């Protein structure tokens, strides 16, 4: 991850169309959020302290605040521009919400106090980190969880096999073209492939293999498992071990 990755989300045009683009490129994100909410063992009346790491425009946080009406959410993201959208989306929950603009790799001391969080979530954010950066961030987040607290991550991975990864990418491009009728950025498969390649280079995408992600979470102290997977997209996580 570099400062360029963060700056990519501070461009006004990119931020303005972020949610529409997510629905075209990642239509399963709603399913992933539903799975994440379903696996959580907490009573809906519990007074939870929640971290949303990479809150983006607040889609995941909005569902958490609806599901857990006594919860307090801390949302962190590297882009101040995208946090403005989250602020607007979540305005009705402002008394239970705190937003902070920080680079994940440089979270300030005291932001995450040890053993104070009940739940941490992240979606489509940690794949911007390399393996070592992700390990450091996950360890810090797990350290902030209470024993038995949960961390659930909804994100993308790459296949173990290059052949399978190529097939996943082919299916990805075909799906985007089918959903993006009328959008010149995605008018055909070659143009779409080039757009995605350019975007991922600019945003410093560095998704890991699923086995590597699980290793990172387990070594950080989670009893991590895969709750759901479809092609490149996964929901993984679990509780903090005693």
C-alpha atoms as a PDB file:
ATOM      1  CA  UNK A   1       0.000   0.000   0.000  1.00  0.00           C
ATOM      2  CA  UNK A   2       1.224   3.490  -0.746  1.00  0.00           C
ATOM      3  CA  UNK A   3      -0.092   7.037  -0.447  1.00  0.00           C
ATOM      4  CA  UNK A   4      -1.120   6.710  -4.102  1.00  0.00           C
ATOM      5  CA  UNK A   5      -3.634   4.054  -3.105  1.00  0.00           C
ATOM      6  CA  UNK A   6      -5.271   6.445  -0.646  1.00  0.00           C
ATOM      7  CA  UNK A   7      -5.161   9.362  -3.100  1.00  0.00           C
ATOM      8  CA  UNK A   8      -7.010   7.237  -5.662  1.00  0.00           C
ATOM      9  CA  UNK A   9     -10.076   7.447  -3.422  1.00  0.00           C
ATOM     10  CA  UNK A  10      -9.755  11.187  -2.841  1.00  0.00           C
ATOM     11  CA  UNK A  11     -10.401  11.998  -6.500  1.00  0.00           C
ATOM     12  CA  UNK A  12     -13.850  13.662  -6.654  1.00  0.00           C
ATOM     13  CA  UNK A  13     -15.029  11.723  -9.710  1.00  0.00           C
ATOM     14  CA  UNK A  14     -13.951   8.371  -8.231  1.00  0.00           C
ATOM     15  CA  UNK A  15     -15.660   9.082  -4.928  1.00  0.00           C
ATOM     16  CA  UNK A  16     -18.843  10.346  -6.575  1.00  0.00           C
ATOM     17  CA  UNK A  17     -19.432   7.107  -8.480  1.00  0.00           C
ATOM     18  CA  UNK A  18     -17.950   4.739  -5.868  1.00  0.00           C
ATOM     19  CA  UNK A  19     -21.175   3.004  -4.797  1.00  0.00           C
ATOM     20  CA  UNK A  20     -22.486   2.635  -8.344  1.00  0.00           C
ATOM     21  CA  UNK A  21     -19.159   1.157  -9.433  1.00  0.00           C
ATOM     22  CA  UNK A  22     -19.182  -1.253  -6.486  1.00  0.00           C
ATOM     23  CA  UNK A  23     -22.593  -2.552  -7.547  1.00  0.00           C
ATOM     24  CA  UNK A  24     -21.233  -3.183 -11.045  1.00  0.00           C
ATOM     25  CA  UNK A  25     -17.902  -4.692 -10.016  1.00  0.00           C
ATOM     26  CA  UNK A  26     -18.867  -6.384  -6.743  1.00  0.00           C
ATOM     27  CA  UNK A  27     -22.610  -7.163  -6.775  1.00  0.00           C
ATOM     28  CA  UNK A  28     -22.057  -9.869  -4.157  1.00  0.00           C
ATOM     29  CA  UNK A  29     -21.048  -7.361  -1.482  1.00  0.00           C
ATOM     30  CA  UNK A  30     -24.616  -7.314  -0.143  1.00  0.00           C
ATOM     31  CA  UNK A  31     -24.555 -11.093   0.198  1.00  0.00           C
ATOM     32  CA  UNK A  32     -21.183 -10.856   1.951  1.00  0.00           C
ATOM     33  CA  UNK A  33     -22.506  -8.340   4.478  1.00  0.00           C
ATOM     34  CA  UNK A  34     -25.538 -10.550   5.106  1.00  0.00           C
ATOM     35  CA  UNK A  35     -23.289 -13.574   5.745  1.00  0.00           C
ATOM     36  CA  UNK A  36     -21.059 -11.551   8.077  1.00  0.00           C
ATOM     37  CA  UNK A  37     -24.069 -10.419  10.104  1.00  0.00           C
ATOM     38  CA  UNK A  38     -25.515 -13.922  10.180  1.00  0.00           C
ATOM     39  CA  UNK A  39     -22.416 -15.580  11.672  1.00  0.00           C
ATOM     40  CA  UNK A  40     -21.995 -13.070  14.502  1.00  0.00           C
ATOM     41  CA  UNK A  41     -22.979 -14.666  17.843  1.00  0.00           C
ATOM     42  CA  UNK A  42     -24.016 -11.443  19.569  1.00  0.00           C
ATOM     43  CA  UNK A  43     -27.518 -10.653  20.783  1.00  0.00           C
ATOM     44  CA  UNK A  44     -28.989  -7.762  18.808  1.00  0.00           C
ATOM     45  CA  UNK A  45     -29.563  -5.901  22.085  1.00  0.00           C
ATOM     46  CA  UNK A  46     -25.898  -6.103  23.134  1.00  0.00           C
ATOM     47  CA  UNK A  47     -24.066  -2.827  23.749  1.00  0.00           C
ATOM     48  CA  UNK A  48     -21.228  -3.515  21.307  1.00  0.00           C
ATOM     49  CA  UNK A  49     -18.091  -1.520  20.569  1.00  0.00           C
ATOM     50  CA  UNK A  50     -17.354  -2.032  16.868  1.00  0.00           C
ATOM     51  CA  UNK A  51     -14.485  -1.072  14.564  1.00  0.00           C
ATOM     52  CA  UNK A  52     -15.144  -0.791  10.826  1.00  0.00           C
ATOM     53  CA  UNK A  53     -11.682  -0.744   9.257  1.00  0.00           C
ATOM     54  CA  UNK A  54     -11.975   0.773   5.805  1.00  0.00           C
ATOM     55  CA  UNK A  55     -15.496   2.028   6.322  1.00  0.00           C
ATOM     56  CA  UNK A  56     -15.663   3.518   2.810  1.00  0.00           C
ATOM     57  CA  UNK A  57     -19.080   5.023   2.133  1.00  0.00           C
ATOM     58  CA  UNK A  58     -20.564   3.320   5.192  1.00  0.00           C
ATOM     59  CA  UNK A  59     -22.539   0.469   3.607  1.00  0.00           C
ATOM     60  CA  UNK A  60     -21.397  -2.205   6.097  1.00  0.00           C
ATOM     61  CA  UNK A  61     -21.537   0.172   9.067  1.00  0.00           C
ATOM     62  CA  UNK A  62     -25.100   1.139   8.176  1.00  0.00           C
ATOM     63  CA  UNK A  63     -26.216  -2.490   8.439  1.00  0.00           C
ATOM     64  CA  UNK A  64     -24.365  -2.945  11.738  1.00  0.00           C
ATOM     65  CA  UNK A  65     -25.951   0.154  13.240  1.00  0.00           C
ATOM     66  CA  UNK A  66     -29.394  -1.050  12.131  1.00  0.00           C
ATOM     67  CA  UNK A  67     -28.877  -4.595  13.443  1.00  0.00           C
ATOM     68  CA  UNK A  68     -27.363  -3.550  16.767  1.00  0.00           C
ATOM     69  CA  UNK A  69     -29.294  -0.491  17.997  1.00  0.00           C
ATOM     70  CA  UNK A  70     -27.106  -0.096  21.100  1.00  0.00           C
ATOM     71  CA  UNK A  71     -23.777  -0.434  19.271  1.00  0.00           C
ATOM     72  CA  UNK A  72     -21.101   2.243  18.994  1.00  0.00           C
ATOM     73  CA  UNK A  73     -19.101   2.208  15.744  1.00  0.00           C
ATOM     74  CA  UNK A  74     -15.638   3.622  15.089  1.00  0.00           C
ATOM     75  CA  UNK A  75     -15.095   3.930  11.328  1.00  0.00           C
ATOM     76  CA  UNK A  76     -11.577   4.360   9.959  1.00  0.00           C
ATOM     77  CA  UNK A  77     -10.621   5.087   6.357  1.00  0.00           C
ATOM     78  CA  UNK A  78      -7.629   6.631   4.602  1.00  0.00           C
ATOM     79  CA  UNK A  79      -9.716   8.890   2.363  1.00  0.00           C
ATOM     80  CA  UNK A  80     -11.225  12.032   3.857  1.00  0.00           C
ATOM     81  CA  UNK A  81     -13.340  12.516   0.721  1.00  0.00           C
ATOM     82  CA  UNK A  82     -14.967   9.115   0.993  1.00  0.00           C
ATOM     83  CA  UNK A  83     -15.602   9.674   4.700  1.00  0.00           C
ATOM     84  CA  UNK A  84     -17.756  12.652   3.721  1.00  0.00           C
ATOM     85  CA  UNK A  85     -20.071  10.239   1.925  1.00  0.00           C
ATOM     86  CA  UNK A  86     -20.115   7.941   4.966  1.00  0.00           C
ATOM     87  CA  UNK A  87     -20.967  10.924   7.170  1.00  0.00           C
ATOM     88  CA  UNK A  88     -23.968  11.749   4.985  1.00  0.00           C
ATOM     89  CA  UNK A  89     -25.155   8.143   4.708  1.00  0.00           C
ATOM     90  CA  UNK A  90     -24.894   7.549   8.453  1.00  0.00           C
ATOM     91  CA  UNK A  91     -26.137  10.936   9.652  1.00  0.00           C
ATOM     92  CA  UNK A  92     -29.104   9.434  11.500  1.00  0.00           C
ATOM     93  CA  UNK A  93     -26.651   7.387  13.598  1.00  0.00           C
ATOM     94  CA  UNK A  94     -24.284  10.250  14.392  1.00  0.00           C
ATOM     95  CA  UNK A  95     -24.705   9.813  18.164  1.00  0.00           C
ATOM     96  CA  UNK A  96     -23.359   6.245  17.861  1.00  0.00           C
ATOM     97  CA  UNK A  97     -20.693   6.869  15.234  1.00  0.00           C
ATOM     98  CA  UNK A  98     -17.149   8.221  15.215  1.00  0.00           C
ATOM     99  CA  UNK A  99     -15.195   8.593  11.969  1.00  0.00           C
ATOM    100  CA  UNK A 100     -11.417   8.929  11.741  1.00  0.00           C
ATOM    101  CA  UNK A 101      -9.193   9.457   8.656  1.00  0.00           C
ATOM    102  CA  UNK A 102      -6.040   7.355   8.995  1.00  0.00           C
ATOM    103  CA  UNK A 103      -3.715   5.274   6.866  1.00  0.00           C
ATOM    104  CA  UNK A 104      -4.159   1.698   8.138  1.00  0.00           C
ATOM    105  CA  UNK A 105      -0.394   1.262   8.354  1.00  0.00           C
ATOM    106  CA  UNK A 106      -0.045   4.225  10.697  1.00  0.00           C
ATOM    107  CA  UNK A 107      -2.947   4.022  13.111  1.00  0.00           C
ATOM    108  CA  UNK A 108      -2.210   6.489  15.914  1.00  0.00           C
ATOM    109  CA  UNK A 109      -1.335   5.254  19.375  1.00  0.00           C
ATOM    110  CA  UNK A 110      -4.428   5.153  21.546  1.00  0.00           C
ATOM    111  CA  UNK A 111      -6.934   4.841  18.700  1.00  0.00           C
ATOM    112  CA  UNK A 112      -7.376   1.136  19.430  1.00  0.00           C
ATOM    113  CA  UNK A 113      -7.022   0.435  23.132  1.00  0.00           C
ATOM    114  CA  UNK A 114      -6.113  -3.119  24.085  1.00  0.00           C
ATOM    115  CA  UNK A 115      -8.990  -5.546  24.709  1.00  0.00           C
ATOM    116  CA  UNK A 116     -11.796  -2.970  24.376  1.00  0.00           C
ATOM    117  CA  UNK A 117     -13.576  -3.985  21.140  1.00  0.00           C
ATOM    118  CA  UNK A 118     -16.336  -6.564  20.846  1.00  0.00           C
ATOM    119  CA  UNK A 119     -16.257  -6.702  17.048  1.00  0.00           C
ATOM    120  CA  UNK A 120     -14.065  -5.587  14.164  1.00  0.00           C
ATOM    121  CA  UNK A 121     -15.148  -5.751  10.532  1.00  0.00           C
ATOM    122  CA  UNK A 122     -13.554  -4.821   7.239  1.00  0.00           C
ATOM    123  CA  UNK A 123     -14.762  -5.016   3.659  1.00  0.00           C
ATOM    124  CA  UNK A 124     -12.882  -4.529   0.386  1.00  0.00           C
ATOM    125  CA  UNK A 125     -10.057  -2.737   2.196  1.00  0.00           C
ATOM    126  CA  UNK A 126      -7.275  -5.015   3.412  1.00  0.00           C
ATOM    127  CA  UNK A 127      -6.375  -6.239  -0.085  1.00  0.00           C
ATOM    128  CA  UNK A 128      -4.665  -2.871  -0.592  1.00  0.00           C
ATOM    129  CA  UNK A 129      -1.986  -3.999   1.896  1.00  0.00           C
ATOM    130  CA  UNK A 130       0.894  -6.352   1.204  1.00  0.00           C
ATOM    131  CA  UNK A 131       1.272  -9.470   3.331  1.00  0.00           C
ATOM    132  CA  UNK A 132       3.502  -7.886   5.981  1.00  0.00           C
ATOM    133  CA  UNK A 133       1.369  -4.743   6.226  1.00  0.00           C
ATOM    134  CA  UNK A 134      -1.778  -6.828   6.539  1.00  0.00           C
ATOM    135  CA  UNK A 135      -0.218  -8.975   9.256  1.00  0.00           C
ATOM    136  CA  UNK A 136       0.743  -5.892  11.261  1.00  0.00           C
ATOM    137  CA  UNK A 137      -2.711  -4.317  10.955  1.00  0.00           C
ATOM    138  CA  UNK A 138      -4.562  -7.539  11.776  1.00  0.00           C
ATOM    139  CA  UNK A 139      -2.406  -8.097  14.863  1.00  0.00           C
ATOM    140  CA  UNK A 140      -3.152  -4.572  16.056  1.00  0.00           C
ATOM    141  CA  UNK A 141      -6.877  -5.037  15.528  1.00  0.00           C
ATOM    142  CA  UNK A 142      -6.958  -8.446  17.211  1.00  0.00           C
ATOM    143  CA  UNK A 143      -5.035  -6.947  20.117  1.00  0.00           C
ATOM    144  CA  UNK A 144      -7.845  -4.423  20.533  1.00  0.00           C
ATOM    145  CA  UNK A 145     -10.493  -7.168  20.707  1.00  0.00           C
ATOM    146  CA  UNK A 146     -11.746  -8.557  23.977  1.00  0.00           C
ATOM    147  CA  UNK A 147     -11.193 -12.292  24.434  1.00  0.00           C
ATOM    148  CA  UNK A 148     -14.020 -13.880  22.469  1.00  0.00           C
ATOM    149  CA  UNK A 149     -14.483 -10.749  20.389  1.00  0.00           C
ATOM    150  CA  UNK A 150     -14.870 -11.280  16.648  1.00  0.00           C
ATOM    151  CA  UNK A 151     -13.112 -10.038  13.535  1.00  0.00           C
ATOM    152  CA  UNK A 152     -14.888 -10.609  10.208  1.00  0.00           C
ATOM    153  CA  UNK A 153     -13.336  -9.639   6.876  1.00  0.00           C
ATOM    154  CA  UNK A 154     -15.189  -9.521   3.546  1.00  0.00           C
ATOM    155  CA  UNK A 155     -12.680  -9.135   0.735  1.00  0.00           C
ATOM    156  CA  UNK A 156     -11.104 -10.566  -2.395  1.00  0.00           C
ATOM    157  CA  UNK A 157      -8.451 -13.261  -2.747  1.00  0.00           C
ATOM    158  CA  UNK A 158      -6.533 -14.824  -5.596  1.00  0.00           C
ATOM    159  CA  UNK A 159      -6.695 -18.487  -6.583  1.00  0.00           C
ATOM    160  CA  UNK A 160      -3.952 -20.964  -5.733  1.00  0.00           C
ATOM    161  CA  UNK A 161      -3.729 -21.955  -9.395  1.00  0.00           C
ATOM    162  CA  UNK A 162      -2.839 -19.367 -12.091  1.00  0.00           C
ATOM    163  CA  UNK A 163      -5.110 -21.275 -14.463  1.00  0.00           C
ATOM    164  CA  UNK A 164      -8.068 -20.948 -12.086  1.00  0.00           C
ATOM    165  CA  UNK A 165      -7.219 -17.309 -11.399  1.00  0.00           C
ATOM    166  CA  UNK A 166      -7.332 -16.591 -15.126  1.00  0.00           C
ATOM    167  CA  UNK A 167     -10.744 -18.246 -15.315  1.00  0.00           C
ATOM    168  CA  UNK A 168     -12.008 -16.214 -12.351  1.00  0.00           C
ATOM    169  CA  UNK A 169     -10.824 -13.053 -14.077  1.00  0.00           C
ATOM    170  CA  UNK A 170     -12.566 -14.026 -17.325  1.00  0.00           C
ATOM    171  CA  UNK A 171     -15.827 -14.551 -15.437  1.00  0.00           C
ATOM    172  CA  UNK A 172     -15.320 -11.286 -13.584  1.00  0.00           C
ATOM    173  CA  UNK A 173     -14.891  -9.289 -16.792  1.00  0.00           C
ATOM    174  CA  UNK A 174     -17.875 -10.931 -18.500  1.00  0.00           C
ATOM    175  CA  UNK A 175     -20.076 -10.141 -15.515  1.00  0.00           C
ATOM    176  CA  UNK A 176     -19.027  -6.488 -15.394  1.00  0.00           C
ATOM    177  CA  UNK A 177     -19.695  -5.991 -19.104  1.00  0.00           C
ATOM    178  CA  UNK A 178     -23.151  -7.558 -18.710  1.00  0.00           C
ATOM    179  CA  UNK A 179     -24.055  -5.343 -15.734  1.00  0.00           C
ATOM    180  CA  UNK A 180     -22.596  -2.080 -17.083  1.00  0.00           C
ATOM    181  CA  UNK A 181     -24.668  -1.563 -20.198  1.00  0.00           C
ATOM    182  CA  UNK A 182     -24.108   1.956 -21.525  1.00  0.00           C
ATOM    183  CA  UNK A 183     -20.932   2.638 -19.538  1.00  0.00           C
ATOM    184  CA  UNK A 184     -18.103   3.318 -21.998  1.00  0.00           C
ATOM    185  CA  UNK A 185     -15.481   2.192 -19.470  1.00  0.00           C
ATOM    186  CA  UNK A 186     -16.924  -1.319 -19.743  1.00  0.00           C
ATOM    187  CA  UNK A 187     -18.210  -1.398 -23.315  1.00  0.00           C
ATOM    188  CA  UNK A 188     -16.491  -4.688 -24.147  1.00  0.00           C
ATOM    189  CA  UNK A 189     -14.175  -7.255 -22.563  1.00  0.00           C
ATOM    190  CA  UNK A 190     -10.776  -5.890 -23.757  1.00  0.00           C
ATOM    191  CA  UNK A 191     -11.625  -2.338 -22.670  1.00  0.00           C
ATOM    192  CA  UNK A 192     -12.926  -3.604 -19.332  1.00  0.00           C
ATOM    193  CA  UNK A 193      -9.820  -5.708 -18.740  1.00  0.00           C
ATOM    194  CA  UNK A 194      -7.577  -2.690 -19.392  1.00  0.00           C
ATOM    195  CA  UNK A 195      -9.675  -0.486 -17.106  1.00  0.00           C
ATOM    196  CA  UNK A 196      -9.418  -3.013 -14.268  1.00  0.00           C
ATOM    197  CA  UNK A 197      -5.679  -3.461 -14.759  1.00  0.00           C
ATOM    198  CA  UNK A 198      -5.114   0.302 -14.661  1.00  0.00           C
ATOM    199  CA  UNK A 199      -7.372   0.752 -11.630  1.00  0.00           C
ATOM    200  CA  UNK A 200      -5.719  -2.032  -9.631  1.00  0.00           C
ATOM    201  CA  UNK A 201      -2.264  -0.679 -10.403  1.00  0.00           C
ATOM    202  CA  UNK A 202      -3.269   2.812  -9.273  1.00  0.00           C
ATOM    203  CA  UNK A 203      -4.941   1.528  -6.114  1.00  0.00           C
ATOM    204  CA  UNK A 204      -2.052  -0.814  -5.258  1.00  0.00           C
ATOM    205  CA  UNK A 205      -4.252  -3.922  -5.060  1.00  0.00           C
ATOM    206  CA  UNK A 206      -2.348  -6.834  -3.501  1.00  0.00           C
ATOM    207  CA  UNK A 207      -4.844  -9.613  -2.721  1.00  0.00           C
ATOM    208  CA  UNK A 208      -3.413 -12.772  -1.166  1.00  0.00           C
ATOM    209  CA  UNK A 209      -4.271 -16.418  -1.585  1.00  0.00           C
ATOM    210  CA  UNK A 210      -6.993 -17.560   0.803  1.00  0.00           C
ATOM    211  CA  UNK A 211      -4.566 -19.849   2.634  1.00  0.00           C
ATOM    212  CA  UNK A 212      -2.274 -16.879   3.288  1.00  0.00           C
ATOM    213  CA  UNK A 213      -5.138 -14.741   4.589  1.00  0.00           C
ATOM    214  CA  UNK A 214      -6.239 -17.497   6.956  1.00  0.00           C
ATOM    215  CA  UNK A 215      -2.674 -17.891   8.178  1.00  0.00           C
ATOM    216  CA  UNK A 216      -2.460 -14.155   8.873  1.00  0.00           C
ATOM    217  CA  UNK A 217      -5.674 -14.183  10.917  1.00  0.00           C
ATOM    218  CA  UNK A 218      -4.802 -17.349  12.806  1.00  0.00           C
ATOM    219  CA  UNK A 219      -1.287 -16.221  13.657  1.00  0.00           C
ATOM    220  CA  UNK A 220      -2.770 -12.954  14.952  1.00  0.00           C
ATOM    221  CA  UNK A 221      -4.833 -14.927  17.484  1.00  0.00           C
ATOM    222  CA  UNK A 222      -8.169 -15.678  15.787  1.00  0.00           C
ATOM    223  CA  UNK A 223      -9.918 -19.010  15.407  1.00  0.00           C
ATOM    224  CA  UNK A 224     -10.419 -18.045  11.775  1.00  0.00           C
ATOM    225  CA  UNK A 225     -12.477 -19.966   9.237  1.00  0.00           C
ATOM    226  CA  UNK A 226     -14.080 -19.379   5.838  1.00  0.00           C
ATOM    227  CA  UNK A 227     -17.788 -18.648   6.175  1.00  0.00           C
ATOM    228  CA  UNK A 228     -18.536 -18.062   2.491  1.00  0.00           C
ATOM    229  CA  UNK A 229     -16.757 -17.939  -0.851  1.00  0.00           C
ATOM    230  CA  UNK A 230     -17.764 -17.355  -4.448  1.00  0.00           C
ATOM    231  CA  UNK A 231     -14.924 -17.162  -6.965  1.00  0.00           C
ATOM    232  CA  UNK A 232     -12.642 -14.296  -5.814  1.00  0.00           C
ATOM    233  CA  UNK A 233     -14.772 -13.013  -2.941  1.00  0.00           C
ATOM    234  CA  UNK A 234     -14.705 -14.410   0.580  1.00  0.00           C
ATOM    235  CA  UNK A 235     -15.967 -13.828   4.099  1.00  0.00           C
ATOM    236  CA  UNK A 236     -13.498 -15.057   6.705  1.00  0.00           C
ATOM    237  CA  UNK A 237     -12.921 -14.483  10.394  1.00  0.00           C
ATOM    238  CA  UNK A 238     -13.753 -15.739  13.830  1.00  0.00           C
ATOM    239  CA  UNK A 239     -13.352 -15.098  17.558  1.00  0.00           C
ATOM    240  CA  UNK A 240     -10.217 -14.085  19.421  1.00  0.00           C
ATOM    241  CA  UNK A 241      -8.672 -17.005  21.271  1.00  0.00           C
ATOM    242  CA  UNK A 242      -8.218 -16.891  25.031  1.00  0.00           C
END
